[in-house]
Amino acid sequence: MAANPPQRKRIISDQEAENISRVEELAYEIKVSEVMTSELISFSPEIKMYEVLEVFRQKRISGAPIVSPLGDLIGIISMEDLIRCLIDKDLDSAINKYMTTNLFTILPTDPVIEASKKFVSTNFGRLPVVDKDQKLVGMITKGDINRGLLRALETDYQEEEIRKYRASHLFEDIESDRTSLILRYQIQQGDFDIGGQASSNIKRALIRLGASKQIARRCGIAIYEAEMNLIIHTTEGGVLRVEIEPHQISIDAYDYGPGIKDVGLAMKPGYSTASDAVREMGFGAGMGLVNISRCVDQMKLESVWGKGSRLKMRLFLDSEHKNKESENQKS
């Protein structure tokens, strides 16, 4: 029998929704490749530390990757490493004596939110960006992310405003007893390259249909986390179905296996069944369902082990329907 935990009793307030900022929204949209530095100063493993010191001084940099002749990333040298070398009075040593080899990397196709999570969890100041073959393609720092977010905030939205104006009249121009728009996306298991694409498309559609930016942000974040769950935790992927109506948005994310053994445990912050390989990529921290719950007004997770899972979510677009639904839950 499917587990049916009770729906959330509390409707998210407008004040709480304001905590989801435009910057947070952009962090889910912008890819690492859009903000990373691709023109890098790199070193070979045989270079001496006194040469590193001179390059750092001339180029005014505080870190650089070490790559093999074939372009494989083998280490990182930072200002902290250089200081250790100076304390040891060991500038004649090769760089491979002081470089850091325990590396955390990120893919160029990852959203910058994943880079931000790694910065927090590792306390590193920079992350090498590698392709699927582990070839170095760039470097990203916290400063790169900040500058990228600022550029995005300064983007001219004139063309988008025109599209939004045209689309926002869709429900007004159709006469029916009940009008809705259904968006459906097939999500492939393990396809991290396009992870977040469906949520970005849905959020853009909502804005063009006239939804407030705050509703679009909440919906975008919730769908992103549901989308990544389908990519990470399923055997064959799944389906995202979004139904947009004038007064509410209904989101349905379902798959056909393997399902969840303990739904209650899965709802706890930090709990995750992600593989080590997925964790090494920066995913599977066990916060997806927590992030979803704070973005939607209703959430219900059902699962049968061996068959699959279904996550149902709803967001109400006006206070009248929020209050009505809240009263229905109390009665």
C-alpha atoms as a PDB file:
ATOM      1  CA  MET A   1       0.000   0.000   0.000  1.00  0.00           C
ATOM      2  CA  ALA A   2       1.277   3.452  -0.815  1.00  0.00           C
ATOM      3  CA  ALA A   3       2.398   5.643   2.056  1.00  0.00           C
ATOM      4  CA  ASN A   4       0.148   8.688   2.380  1.00  0.00           C
ATOM      5  CA  PRO A   5       1.654  11.232   4.762  1.00  0.00           C
ATOM      6  CA  PRO A   6      -0.708  14.108   5.556  1.00  0.00           C
ATOM      7  CA  GLN A   7      -0.568  17.196   3.422  1.00  0.00           C
ATOM      8  CA  ARG A   8       1.163  20.236   4.832  1.00  0.00           C
ATOM      9  CA  LYS A   9      -1.235  22.068   7.128  1.00  0.00           C
ATOM     10  CA  ARG A  10       0.367  25.478   6.836  1.00  0.00           C
ATOM     11  CA  ILE A  11       0.031  27.598   3.724  1.00  0.00           C
ATOM     12  CA  ILE A  12       3.216  29.478   2.855  1.00  0.00           C
ATOM     13  CA  SER A  13       2.816  33.181   3.544  1.00  0.00           C
ATOM     14  CA  ASP A  14       3.706  36.042   1.241  1.00  0.00           C
ATOM     15  CA  GLN A  15       6.242  37.233   3.810  1.00  0.00           C
ATOM     16  CA  GLU A  16       7.988  33.862   3.805  1.00  0.00           C
ATOM     17  CA  ALA A  17       7.891  33.791   0.003  1.00  0.00           C
ATOM     18  CA  GLU A  18       9.833  37.055  -0.083  1.00  0.00           C
ATOM     19  CA  ASN A  19      12.800  35.119   1.313  1.00  0.00           C
ATOM     20  CA  ILE A  20      13.167  33.484  -2.096  1.00  0.00           C
ATOM     21  CA  SER A  21      15.142  36.193  -3.848  1.00  0.00           C
ATOM     22  CA  ARG A  22      15.799  36.912  -7.489  1.00  0.00           C
ATOM     23  CA  VAL A  23      19.474  36.092  -6.877  1.00  0.00           C
ATOM     24  CA  GLU A  24      18.533  32.645  -5.547  1.00  0.00           C
ATOM     25  CA  GLU A  25      16.376  32.080  -8.612  1.00  0.00           C
ATOM     26  CA  LEU A  26      19.228  33.038 -10.948  1.00  0.00           C
ATOM     27  CA  ALA A  27      21.593  30.689  -9.125  1.00  0.00           C
ATOM     28  CA  TYR A  28      19.391  27.813 -10.312  1.00  0.00           C
ATOM     29  CA  GLU A  29      19.300  29.117 -13.891  1.00  0.00           C
ATOM     30  CA  ILE A  30      22.829  30.261 -14.694  1.00  0.00           C
ATOM     31  CA  LYS A  31      25.279  27.543 -15.717  1.00  0.00           C
ATOM     32  CA  VAL A  32      28.870  27.339 -14.509  1.00  0.00           C
ATOM     33  CA  SER A  33      30.072  27.712 -18.112  1.00  0.00           C
ATOM     34  CA  GLU A  34      28.457  31.167 -18.260  1.00  0.00           C
ATOM     35  CA  VAL A  35      30.465  32.632 -15.377  1.00  0.00           C
ATOM     36  CA  MET A  36      33.674  30.590 -15.172  1.00  0.00           C
ATOM     37  CA  THR A  37      37.085  31.830 -16.275  1.00  0.00           C
ATOM     38  CA  SER A  38      38.188  29.824 -19.308  1.00  0.00           C
ATOM     39  CA  GLU A  39      41.458  31.649 -20.099  1.00  0.00           C
ATOM     40  CA  LEU A  40      43.602  30.204 -17.345  1.00  0.00           C
ATOM     41  CA  ILE A  41      47.155  30.553 -16.156  1.00  0.00           C
ATOM     42  CA  SER A  42      48.269  27.000 -15.400  1.00  0.00           C
ATOM     43  CA  PHE A  43      51.480  25.295 -14.335  1.00  0.00           C
ATOM     44  CA  SER A  44      53.214  22.025 -15.150  1.00  0.00           C
ATOM     45  CA  PRO A  45      54.065  19.714 -12.213  1.00  0.00           C
ATOM     46  CA  GLU A  46      57.823  20.283 -12.695  1.00  0.00           C
ATOM     47  CA  ILE A  47      57.823  24.081 -12.264  1.00  0.00           C
ATOM     48  CA  LYS A  48      59.650  25.476  -9.219  1.00  0.00           C
ATOM     49  CA  MET A  49      57.934  27.345  -6.417  1.00  0.00           C
ATOM     50  CA  TYR A  50      60.009  30.500  -6.953  1.00  0.00           C
ATOM     51  CA  GLU A  51      58.568  30.632 -10.476  1.00  0.00           C
ATOM     52  CA  VAL A  52      55.065  30.297  -9.039  1.00  0.00           C
ATOM     53  CA  LEU A  53      55.800  33.190  -6.679  1.00  0.00           C
ATOM     54  CA  GLU A  54      56.882  35.383  -9.589  1.00  0.00           C
ATOM     55  CA  VAL A  55      53.800  34.547 -11.689  1.00  0.00           C
ATOM     56  CA  PHE A  56      51.482  35.208  -8.745  1.00  0.00           C
ATOM     57  CA  ARG A  57      53.162  38.571  -8.208  1.00  0.00           C
ATOM     58  CA  GLN A  58      53.162  39.639 -11.867  1.00  0.00           C
ATOM     59  CA  LYS A  59      49.672  38.413 -12.747  1.00  0.00           C
ATOM     60  CA  ARG A  60      48.144  39.326  -9.363  1.00  0.00           C
ATOM     61  CA  ILE A  61      46.490  35.930  -8.944  1.00  0.00           C
ATOM     62  CA  SER A  62      46.016  33.838  -5.813  1.00  0.00           C
ATOM     63  CA  GLY A  63      45.694  30.361  -7.286  1.00  0.00           C
ATOM     64  CA  ALA A  64      46.168  28.266 -10.407  1.00  0.00           C
ATOM     65  CA  PRO A  65      45.670  24.712 -11.659  1.00  0.00           C
ATOM     66  CA  ILE A  66      48.451  22.231 -12.359  1.00  0.00           C
ATOM     67  CA  VAL A  67      47.893  20.180 -15.507  1.00  0.00           C
ATOM     68  CA  SER A  68      49.722  17.334 -17.217  1.00  0.00           C
ATOM     69  CA  PRO A  69      51.071  17.615 -20.772  1.00  0.00           C
ATOM     70  CA  LEU A  70      47.837  15.911 -21.928  1.00  0.00           C
ATOM     71  CA  GLY A  71      45.668  18.526 -20.240  1.00  0.00           C
ATOM     72  CA  ASP A  72      44.567  16.406 -17.287  1.00  0.00           C
ATOM     73  CA  LEU A  73      44.013  18.254 -14.028  1.00  0.00           C
ATOM     74  CA  ILE A  74      46.365  16.937 -11.337  1.00  0.00           C
ATOM     75  CA  GLY A  75      46.352  19.636  -8.670  1.00  0.00           C
ATOM     76  CA  ILE A  76      45.778  23.200  -7.485  1.00  0.00           C
ATOM     77  CA  ILE A  77      48.295  25.658  -6.071  1.00  0.00           C
ATOM     78  CA  SER A  78      46.996  28.485  -3.898  1.00  0.00           C
ATOM     79  CA  MET A  79      48.346  31.460  -1.989  1.00  0.00           C
ATOM     80  CA  GLU A  80      48.090  29.410   1.205  1.00  0.00           C
ATOM     81  CA  ASP A  81      50.356  26.756  -0.339  1.00  0.00           C
ATOM     82  CA  LEU A  82      52.815  29.424  -1.392  1.00  0.00           C
ATOM     83  CA  ILE A  83      52.881  30.878   2.130  1.00  0.00           C
ATOM     84  CA  ARG A  84      53.680  27.425   3.541  1.00  0.00           C
ATOM     85  CA  CYS A  85      56.554  27.178   1.082  1.00  0.00           C
ATOM     86  CA  LEU A  86      57.876  30.612   2.091  1.00  0.00           C
ATOM     87  CA  ILE A  87      57.718  29.652   5.781  1.00  0.00           C
ATOM     88  CA  ASP A  88      59.687  26.494   4.964  1.00  0.00           C
ATOM     89  CA  LYS A  89      62.166  28.561   2.893  1.00  0.00           C
ATOM     90  CA  ASP A  90      61.738  25.970   0.173  1.00  0.00           C
ATOM     91  CA  LEU A  91      61.251  27.993  -3.022  1.00  0.00           C
ATOM     92  CA  ASP A  92      63.585  25.694  -4.992  1.00  0.00           C
ATOM     93  CA  SER A  93      61.197  22.758  -4.599  1.00  0.00           C
ATOM     94  CA  ALA A  94      58.924  21.615  -7.429  1.00  0.00           C
ATOM     95  CA  ILE A  95      55.292  22.690  -7.288  1.00  0.00           C
ATOM     96  CA  ASN A  96      54.080  19.110  -6.839  1.00  0.00           C
ATOM     97  CA  LYS A  97      55.453  19.144  -3.286  1.00  0.00           C
ATOM     98  CA  TYR A  98      53.008  21.852  -2.173  1.00  0.00           C
ATOM     99  CA  MET A  99      50.062  21.576  -4.549  1.00  0.00           C
ATOM    100  CA  THR A 100      46.688  20.304  -3.355  1.00  0.00           C
ATOM    101  CA  THR A 101      45.694  17.014  -4.974  1.00  0.00           C
ATOM    102  CA  ASN A 102      42.476  16.318  -3.025  1.00  0.00           C
ATOM    103  CA  LEU A 103      40.326  18.170  -5.521  1.00  0.00           C
ATOM    104  CA  PHE A 104      36.657  19.032  -5.738  1.00  0.00           C
ATOM    105  CA  THR A 105      35.551  19.734  -9.292  1.00  0.00           C
ATOM    106  CA  ILE A 106      32.379  20.782 -11.068  1.00  0.00           C
ATOM    107  CA  LEU A 107      30.958  20.396 -14.572  1.00  0.00           C
ATOM    108  CA  PRO A 108      30.413  23.360 -16.900  1.00  0.00           C
ATOM    109  CA  THR A 109      26.782  22.298 -17.348  1.00  0.00           C
ATOM    110  CA  ASP A 110      26.002  22.454 -13.616  1.00  0.00           C
ATOM    111  CA  PRO A 111      23.958  25.418 -12.325  1.00  0.00           C
ATOM    112  CA  VAL A 112      25.981  27.818 -10.181  1.00  0.00           C
ATOM    113  CA  ILE A 113      23.881  26.865  -7.138  1.00  0.00           C
ATOM    114  CA  GLU A 114      25.809  23.585  -7.116  1.00  0.00           C
ATOM    115  CA  ALA A 115      29.124  25.460  -7.127  1.00  0.00           C
ATOM    116  CA  SER A 116      27.885  27.608  -4.242  1.00  0.00           C
ATOM    117  CA  LYS A 117      26.987  24.486  -2.259  1.00  0.00           C
ATOM    118  CA  LYS A 118      30.495  23.105  -2.780  1.00  0.00           C
ATOM    119  CA  PHE A 119      32.085  26.380  -1.676  1.00  0.00           C
ATOM    120  CA  VAL A 120      30.097  26.164   1.550  1.00  0.00           C
ATOM    121  CA  SER A 121      30.834  22.476   2.205  1.00  0.00           C
ATOM    122  CA  THR A 122      34.561  22.575   1.343  1.00  0.00           C
ATOM    123  CA  ASN A 123      35.597  26.127   2.369  1.00  0.00           C
ATOM    124  CA  PHE A 124      37.626  26.279  -0.863  1.00  0.00           C
ATOM    125  CA  GLY A 125      37.902  29.582  -2.706  1.00  0.00           C
ATOM    126  CA  ARG A 126      37.948  28.166  -6.219  1.00  0.00           C
ATOM    127  CA  LEU A 127      36.761  25.076  -8.077  1.00  0.00           C
ATOM    128  CA  PRO A 128      38.284  23.570 -11.238  1.00  0.00           C
ATOM    129  CA  VAL A 129      35.746  23.069 -14.007  1.00  0.00           C
ATOM    130  CA  VAL A 130      36.271  19.806 -15.897  1.00  0.00           C
ATOM    131  CA  ASP A 131      34.466  18.101 -18.740  1.00  0.00           C
ATOM    132  CA  LYS A 132      33.268  14.503 -18.704  1.00  0.00           C
ATOM    133  CA  ASP A 133      36.766  13.318 -19.632  1.00  0.00           C
ATOM    134  CA  GLN A 134      38.203  15.185 -16.626  1.00  0.00           C
ATOM    135  CA  LYS A 135      39.957  17.685 -18.892  1.00  0.00           C
ATOM    136  CA  LEU A 136      40.308  21.140 -17.383  1.00  0.00           C
ATOM    137  CA  VAL A 137      38.098  23.679 -19.171  1.00  0.00           C
ATOM    138  CA  GLY A 138      37.957  26.510 -16.659  1.00  0.00           C
ATOM    139  CA  MET A 139      37.976  27.742 -13.081  1.00  0.00           C
ATOM    140  CA  ILE A 140      35.194  29.258 -11.007  1.00  0.00           C
ATOM    141  CA  THR A 141      35.420  31.373  -7.865  1.00  0.00           C
ATOM    142  CA  LYS A 142      32.877  32.971  -5.569  1.00  0.00           C
ATOM    143  CA  GLY A 143      33.716  36.264  -7.264  1.00  0.00           C
ATOM    144  CA  ASP A 144      32.893  34.781 -10.684  1.00  0.00           C
ATOM    145  CA  ILE A 145      29.466  33.772  -9.387  1.00  0.00           C
ATOM    146  CA  ASN A 146      28.811  37.200  -7.887  1.00  0.00           C
ATOM    147  CA  ARG A 147      29.814  38.972 -11.094  1.00  0.00           C
ATOM    148  CA  GLY A 148      27.698  36.601 -13.174  1.00  0.00           C
ATOM    149  CA  LEU A 149      24.663  37.200 -10.995  1.00  0.00           C
ATOM    150  CA  LEU A 150      25.147  40.969 -11.237  1.00  0.00           C
ATOM    151  CA  ARG A 151      25.386  40.800 -15.033  1.00  0.00           C
ATOM    152  CA  ALA A 152      22.197  38.745 -15.148  1.00  0.00           C
ATOM    153  CA  LEU A 153      20.397  41.252 -12.931  1.00  0.00           C
ATOM    154  CA  GLU A 154      21.458  44.035 -15.281  1.00  0.00           C
ATOM    155  CA  THR A 155      20.229  42.223 -18.389  1.00  0.00           C
ATOM    156  CA  ASP A 156      17.800  44.100 -20.574  1.00  0.00           C
ATOM    157  CA  TYR A 157      14.407  42.413 -20.185  1.00  0.00           C
ATOM    158  CA  GLN A 158      12.645  44.366 -22.905  1.00  0.00           C
ATOM    159  CA  GLU A 159      12.183  41.409 -25.271  1.00  0.00           C
ATOM    160  CA  GLU A 160      11.002  39.226 -22.397  1.00  0.00           C
ATOM    161  CA  GLU A 161       8.479  41.866 -21.345  1.00  0.00           C
ATOM    162  CA  ILE A 162       6.973  41.845 -24.845  1.00  0.00           C
ATOM    163  CA  ARG A 163       6.609  38.050 -24.766  1.00  0.00           C
ATOM    164  CA  LYS A 164       5.087  38.249 -21.303  1.00  0.00           C
ATOM    165  CA  TYR A 165       2.508  40.809 -22.435  1.00  0.00           C
ATOM    166  CA  ARG A 166       1.400  38.627 -25.332  1.00  0.00           C
ATOM    167  CA  ALA A 167       1.187  35.414 -23.304  1.00  0.00           C
ATOM    168  CA  SER A 168      -0.532  37.011 -20.303  1.00  0.00           C
ATOM    169  CA  HIS A 169      -3.731  37.437 -22.328  1.00  0.00           C
ATOM    170  CA  LEU A 170      -4.062  33.693 -22.980  1.00  0.00           C
ATOM    171  CA  PHE A 171      -6.587  32.962 -20.212  1.00  0.00           C
ATOM    172  CA  GLU A 172      -8.483  36.198 -20.867  1.00  0.00           C
ATOM    173  CA  ASP A 173      -9.085  35.371 -24.531  1.00  0.00           C
ATOM    174  CA  ILE A 174     -10.438  31.833 -23.979  1.00  0.00           C
ATOM    175  CA  GLU A 175     -13.987  31.289 -22.775  1.00  0.00           C
ATOM    176  CA  SER A 176     -14.697  27.993 -21.013  1.00  0.00           C
ATOM    177  CA  ASP A 177     -15.969  26.633 -17.689  1.00  0.00           C
ATOM    178  CA  ARG A 178     -12.426  25.679 -16.733  1.00  0.00           C
ATOM    179  CA  THR A 179      -9.317  26.737 -18.638  1.00  0.00           C
ATOM    180  CA  SER A 180      -5.886  25.261 -17.968  1.00  0.00           C
ATOM    181  CA  LEU A 181      -2.522  24.889 -19.668  1.00  0.00           C
ATOM    182  CA  ILE A 182      -0.665  21.593 -19.228  1.00  0.00           C
ATOM    183  CA  LEU A 183       3.118  21.329 -19.643  1.00  0.00           C
ATOM    184  CA  ARG A 184       4.686  17.862 -19.676  1.00  0.00           C
ATOM    185  CA  TYR A 185       8.372  16.920 -19.649  1.00  0.00           C
ATOM    186  CA  GLN A 186      10.034  13.507 -19.851  1.00  0.00           C
ATOM    187  CA  ILE A 187      13.061  13.449 -17.512  1.00  0.00           C
ATOM    188  CA  GLN A 188      15.853  10.971 -18.235  1.00  0.00           C
ATOM    189  CA  GLN A 189      17.661   9.202 -15.411  1.00  0.00           C
ATOM    190  CA  GLY A 190      21.276  10.319 -15.000  1.00  0.00           C
ATOM    191  CA  ASP A 191      21.059  13.116 -17.580  1.00  0.00           C
ATOM    192  CA  PHE A 192      22.793  15.862 -15.592  1.00  0.00           C
ATOM    193  CA  ASP A 193      23.621  17.836 -18.761  1.00  0.00           C
ATOM    194  CA  ILE A 194      20.034  19.066 -19.084  1.00  0.00           C
ATOM    195  CA  GLY A 195      19.215  19.058 -15.373  1.00  0.00           C
ATOM    196  CA  GLY A 196      17.215  22.164 -14.563  1.00  0.00           C
ATOM    197  CA  GLN A 197      16.089  22.769 -18.146  1.00  0.00           C
ATOM    198  CA  ALA A 198      12.463  21.802 -17.531  1.00  0.00           C
ATOM    199  CA  SER A 199      12.181  23.983 -14.414  1.00  0.00           C
ATOM    200  CA  SER A 200      13.710  26.933 -16.255  1.00  0.00           C
ATOM    201  CA  ASN A 201      11.262  26.524 -19.151  1.00  0.00           C
ATOM    202  CA  ILE A 202       8.282  26.250 -16.814  1.00  0.00           C
ATOM    203  CA  LYS A 203       9.289  29.308 -14.810  1.00  0.00           C
ATOM    204  CA  ARG A 204       9.713  31.335 -17.992  1.00  0.00           C
ATOM    205  CA  ALA A 205       6.271  30.234 -19.177  1.00  0.00           C
ATOM    206  CA  LEU A 206       4.710  31.292 -15.875  1.00  0.00           C
ATOM    207  CA  ILE A 207       6.191  34.773 -16.088  1.00  0.00           C
ATOM    208  CA  ARG A 208       4.948  35.190 -19.637  1.00  0.00           C
ATOM    209  CA  LEU A 209       1.501  34.089 -18.536  1.00  0.00           C
ATOM    210  CA  GLY A 210       1.439  36.880 -15.998  1.00  0.00           C
ATOM    211  CA  ALA A 211       2.391  35.062 -12.785  1.00  0.00           C
ATOM    212  CA  SER A 212       4.188  37.190 -10.219  1.00  0.00           C
ATOM    213  CA  LYS A 213       7.949  36.861 -10.055  1.00  0.00           C
ATOM    214  CA  GLN A 214       7.705  35.430  -6.540  1.00  0.00           C
ATOM    215  CA  ILE A 215       5.292  32.678  -7.648  1.00  0.00           C
ATOM    216  CA  ALA A 216       7.532  31.888 -10.632  1.00  0.00           C
ATOM    217  CA  ARG A 217      10.591  31.671  -8.365  1.00  0.00           C
ATOM    218  CA  ARG A 218       8.890  29.397  -5.848  1.00  0.00           C
ATOM    219  CA  CYS A 219       7.596  27.168  -8.627  1.00  0.00           C
ATOM    220  CA  GLY A 220      10.967  27.125 -10.422  1.00  0.00           C
ATOM    221  CA  ILE A 221      12.900  26.047  -7.330  1.00  0.00           C
ATOM    222  CA  ALA A 222      10.368  23.358  -6.387  1.00  0.00           C
ATOM    223  CA  ILE A 223      10.350  21.914  -9.908  1.00  0.00           C
ATOM    224  CA  TYR A 224      14.163  22.031 -10.138  1.00  0.00           C
ATOM    225  CA  GLU A 225      14.497  19.940  -6.985  1.00  0.00           C
ATOM    226  CA  ALA A 226      11.818  17.495  -8.188  1.00  0.00           C
ATOM    227  CA  GLU A 227      13.532  17.279 -11.575  1.00  0.00           C
ATOM    228  CA  MET A 228      16.917  16.506  -9.984  1.00  0.00           C
ATOM    229  CA  ASN A 229      15.299  13.831  -7.812  1.00  0.00           C
ATOM    230  CA  LEU A 230      14.051  12.116 -10.975  1.00  0.00           C
ATOM    231  CA  ILE A 231      17.536  12.325 -12.503  1.00  0.00           C
ATOM    232  CA  ILE A 232      19.339  11.061  -9.381  1.00  0.00           C
ATOM    233  CA  HIS A 233      17.054   8.577  -7.646  1.00  0.00           C
ATOM    234  CA  THR A 234      15.111   6.733 -10.365  1.00  0.00           C
ATOM    235  CA  THR A 235      15.952   3.739 -12.525  1.00  0.00           C
ATOM    236  CA  GLU A 236      14.421   5.044 -15.758  1.00  0.00           C
ATOM    237  CA  GLY A 237      13.680   8.714 -15.104  1.00  0.00           C
ATOM    238  CA  GLY A 238      10.150   9.997 -14.872  1.00  0.00           C
ATOM    239  CA  VAL A 239       7.634  12.650 -15.843  1.00  0.00           C
ATOM    240  CA  LEU A 240       7.047  16.236 -14.759  1.00  0.00           C
ATOM    241  CA  ARG A 241       3.508  17.451 -15.368  1.00  0.00           C
ATOM    242  CA  VAL A 242       2.482  21.020 -14.603  1.00  0.00           C
ATOM    243  CA  GLU A 243      -1.104  22.263 -14.888  1.00  0.00           C
ATOM    244  CA  ILE A 244      -1.488  26.036 -14.854  1.00  0.00           C
ATOM    245  CA  GLU A 245      -4.888  27.507 -14.050  1.00  0.00           C
ATOM    246  CA  PRO A 246      -5.921  31.099 -13.320  1.00  0.00           C
ATOM    247  CA  HIS A 247      -5.986  30.459  -9.553  1.00  0.00           C
ATOM    248  CA  GLN A 248      -3.494  27.665  -8.922  1.00  0.00           C
ATOM    249  CA  ILE A 249      -0.552  25.648 -10.256  1.00  0.00           C
ATOM    250  CA  SER A 250      -0.548  21.872  -9.816  1.00  0.00           C
ATOM    251  CA  ILE A 251       2.749  19.993 -10.180  1.00  0.00           C
ATOM    252  CA  ASP A 252       3.005  16.228 -10.511  1.00  0.00           C
ATOM    253  CA  ALA A 253       6.380  14.432 -10.555  1.00  0.00           C
ATOM    254  CA  TYR A 254       6.238  10.659 -10.882  1.00  0.00           C
ATOM    255  CA  ASP A 255       8.459   7.714 -11.813  1.00  0.00           C
ATOM    256  CA  TYR A 256       8.287   3.943 -12.125  1.00  0.00           C
ATOM    257  CA  GLY A 257      10.977   2.855  -9.726  1.00  0.00           C
ATOM    258  CA  PRO A 258      12.611   1.969  -7.537  1.00  0.00           C
ATOM    259  CA  GLY A 259      10.419   3.878  -5.095  1.00  0.00           C
ATOM    260  CA  ILE A 260      11.083   4.909  -1.493  1.00  0.00           C
ATOM    261  CA  LYS A 261      11.269   2.409   1.367  1.00  0.00           C
ATOM    262  CA  ASP A 262      10.523   4.917   4.133  1.00  0.00           C
ATOM    263  CA  VAL A 263       8.722   8.116   3.084  1.00  0.00           C
ATOM    264  CA  GLY A 264       8.896   9.603   6.570  1.00  0.00           C
ATOM    265  CA  LEU A 265      12.662   9.156   6.678  1.00  0.00           C
ATOM    266  CA  ALA A 266      13.018  10.580   3.162  1.00  0.00           C
ATOM    267  CA  MET A 267      11.309  13.786   4.309  1.00  0.00           C
ATOM    268  CA  LYS A 268      13.955  14.460   6.977  1.00  0.00           C
ATOM    269  CA  PRO A 269      16.597  17.120   6.164  1.00  0.00           C
ATOM    270  CA  GLY A 270      19.923  15.588   5.160  1.00  0.00           C
ATOM    271  CA  TYR A 271      18.619  12.084   4.459  1.00  0.00           C
ATOM    272  CA  SER A 272      19.710  10.802   1.056  1.00  0.00           C
ATOM    273  CA  THR A 273      20.175   7.511  -0.786  1.00  0.00           C
ATOM    274  CA  ALA A 274      22.316   9.085  -3.520  1.00  0.00           C
ATOM    275  CA  SER A 275      25.352   7.096  -4.640  1.00  0.00           C
ATOM    276  CA  ASP A 276      28.914   8.159  -3.850  1.00  0.00           C
ATOM    277  CA  ALA A 277      29.392   9.063  -7.525  1.00  0.00           C
ATOM    278  CA  VAL A 278      26.410  11.426  -7.408  1.00  0.00           C
ATOM    279  CA  ARG A 279      27.621  12.961  -4.135  1.00  0.00           C
ATOM    280  CA  GLU A 280      31.052  13.554  -5.645  1.00  0.00           C
ATOM    281  CA  MET A 281      29.310  15.580  -8.360  1.00  0.00           C
ATOM    282  CA  GLY A 282      27.826  17.811  -5.664  1.00  0.00           C
ATOM    283  CA  PHE A 283      24.265  16.419  -5.673  1.00  0.00           C
ATOM    284  CA  GLY A 284      22.280  14.228  -3.289  1.00  0.00           C
ATOM    285  CA  ALA A 285      22.678  16.295  -0.107  1.00  0.00           C
ATOM    286  CA  GLY A 286      19.223  15.317   1.081  1.00  0.00           C
ATOM    287  CA  MET A 287      17.745  18.826   1.041  1.00  0.00           C
ATOM    288  CA  GLY A 288      15.607  18.574  -2.110  1.00  0.00           C
ATOM    289  CA  LEU A 289      12.294  17.758  -0.423  1.00  0.00           C
ATOM    290  CA  VAL A 290      12.990  20.356   2.274  1.00  0.00           C
ATOM    291  CA  ASN A 291      13.518  23.031  -0.380  1.00  0.00           C
ATOM    292  CA  ILE A 292      10.341  21.954  -2.147  1.00  0.00           C
ATOM    293  CA  SER A 293       8.259  22.082   1.042  1.00  0.00           C
ATOM    294  CA  ARG A 294       9.183  25.699   1.719  1.00  0.00           C
ATOM    295  CA  CYS A 295       8.261  26.772  -1.806  1.00  0.00           C
ATOM    296  CA  VAL A 296       4.811  25.215  -2.230  1.00  0.00           C
ATOM    297  CA  ASP A 297       1.495  25.570  -0.418  1.00  0.00           C
ATOM    298  CA  GLN A 298       0.698  21.851  -0.463  1.00  0.00           C
ATOM    299  CA  MET A 299       2.913  18.821  -0.888  1.00  0.00           C
ATOM    300  CA  LYS A 300       2.151  15.111  -0.803  1.00  0.00           C
ATOM    301  CA  LEU A 301       4.647  12.289  -1.377  1.00  0.00           C
ATOM    302  CA  GLU A 302       3.455   8.765  -2.154  1.00  0.00           C
ATOM    303  CA  SER A 303       5.641   5.760  -2.874  1.00  0.00           C
ATOM    304  CA  VAL A 304       5.512   1.985  -3.192  1.00  0.00           C
ATOM    305  CA  TRP A 305       8.884   0.286  -2.934  1.00  0.00           C
ATOM    306  CA  GLY A 306       9.619  -1.621  -6.149  1.00  0.00           C
ATOM    307  CA  LYS A 307       7.042   0.303  -8.169  1.00  0.00           C
ATOM    308  CA  GLY A 308       7.718   4.030  -8.011  1.00  0.00           C
ATOM    309  CA  SER A 309       6.953   7.374  -6.402  1.00  0.00           C
ATOM    310  CA  ARG A 310       4.627  10.310  -6.967  1.00  0.00           C
ATOM    311  CA  LEU A 311       5.158  13.813  -5.621  1.00  0.00           C
ATOM    312  CA  LYS A 312       2.161  16.155  -5.833  1.00  0.00           C
ATOM    313  CA  MET A 313       2.513  19.887  -5.209  1.00  0.00           C
ATOM    314  CA  ARG A 314       0.209  22.901  -5.403  1.00  0.00           C
ATOM    315  CA  LEU A 315       0.704  26.660  -5.314  1.00  0.00           C
ATOM    316  CA  PHE A 316      -2.234  29.037  -4.955  1.00  0.00           C
ATOM    317  CA  LEU A 317      -2.089  32.274  -6.931  1.00  0.00           C
ATOM    318  CA  ASP A 318      -4.378  34.436  -4.803  1.00  0.00           C
ATOM    319  CA  SER A 319      -5.174  34.839  -1.108  1.00  0.00           C
ATOM    320  CA  GLU A 320      -8.839  33.910  -1.573  1.00  0.00           C
ATOM    321  CA  HIS A 321      -8.017  30.395  -2.737  1.00  0.00           C
ATOM    322  CA  LYS A 322      -5.248  30.059  -0.119  1.00  0.00           C
ATOM    323  CA  ASN A 323      -7.660  30.922   2.669  1.00  0.00           C
ATOM    324  CA  LYS A 324     -10.395  28.679   1.269  1.00  0.00           C
ATOM    325  CA  GLU A 325      -8.022  25.709   1.056  1.00  0.00           C
ATOM    326  CA  SER A 326      -6.722  26.426   4.545  1.00  0.00           C
ATOM    327  CA  GLU A 327     -10.286  26.361   5.909  1.00  0.00           C
ATOM    328  CA  ASN A 328     -10.962  23.070   4.078  1.00  0.00           C
ATOM    329  CA  GLN A 329      -7.917  21.489   5.731  1.00  0.00           C
ATOM    330  CA  LYS A 330      -9.030  22.619   9.200  1.00  0.00           C
ATOM    331  CA  SER A 331     -12.555  21.234   8.782  1.00  0.00           C
END
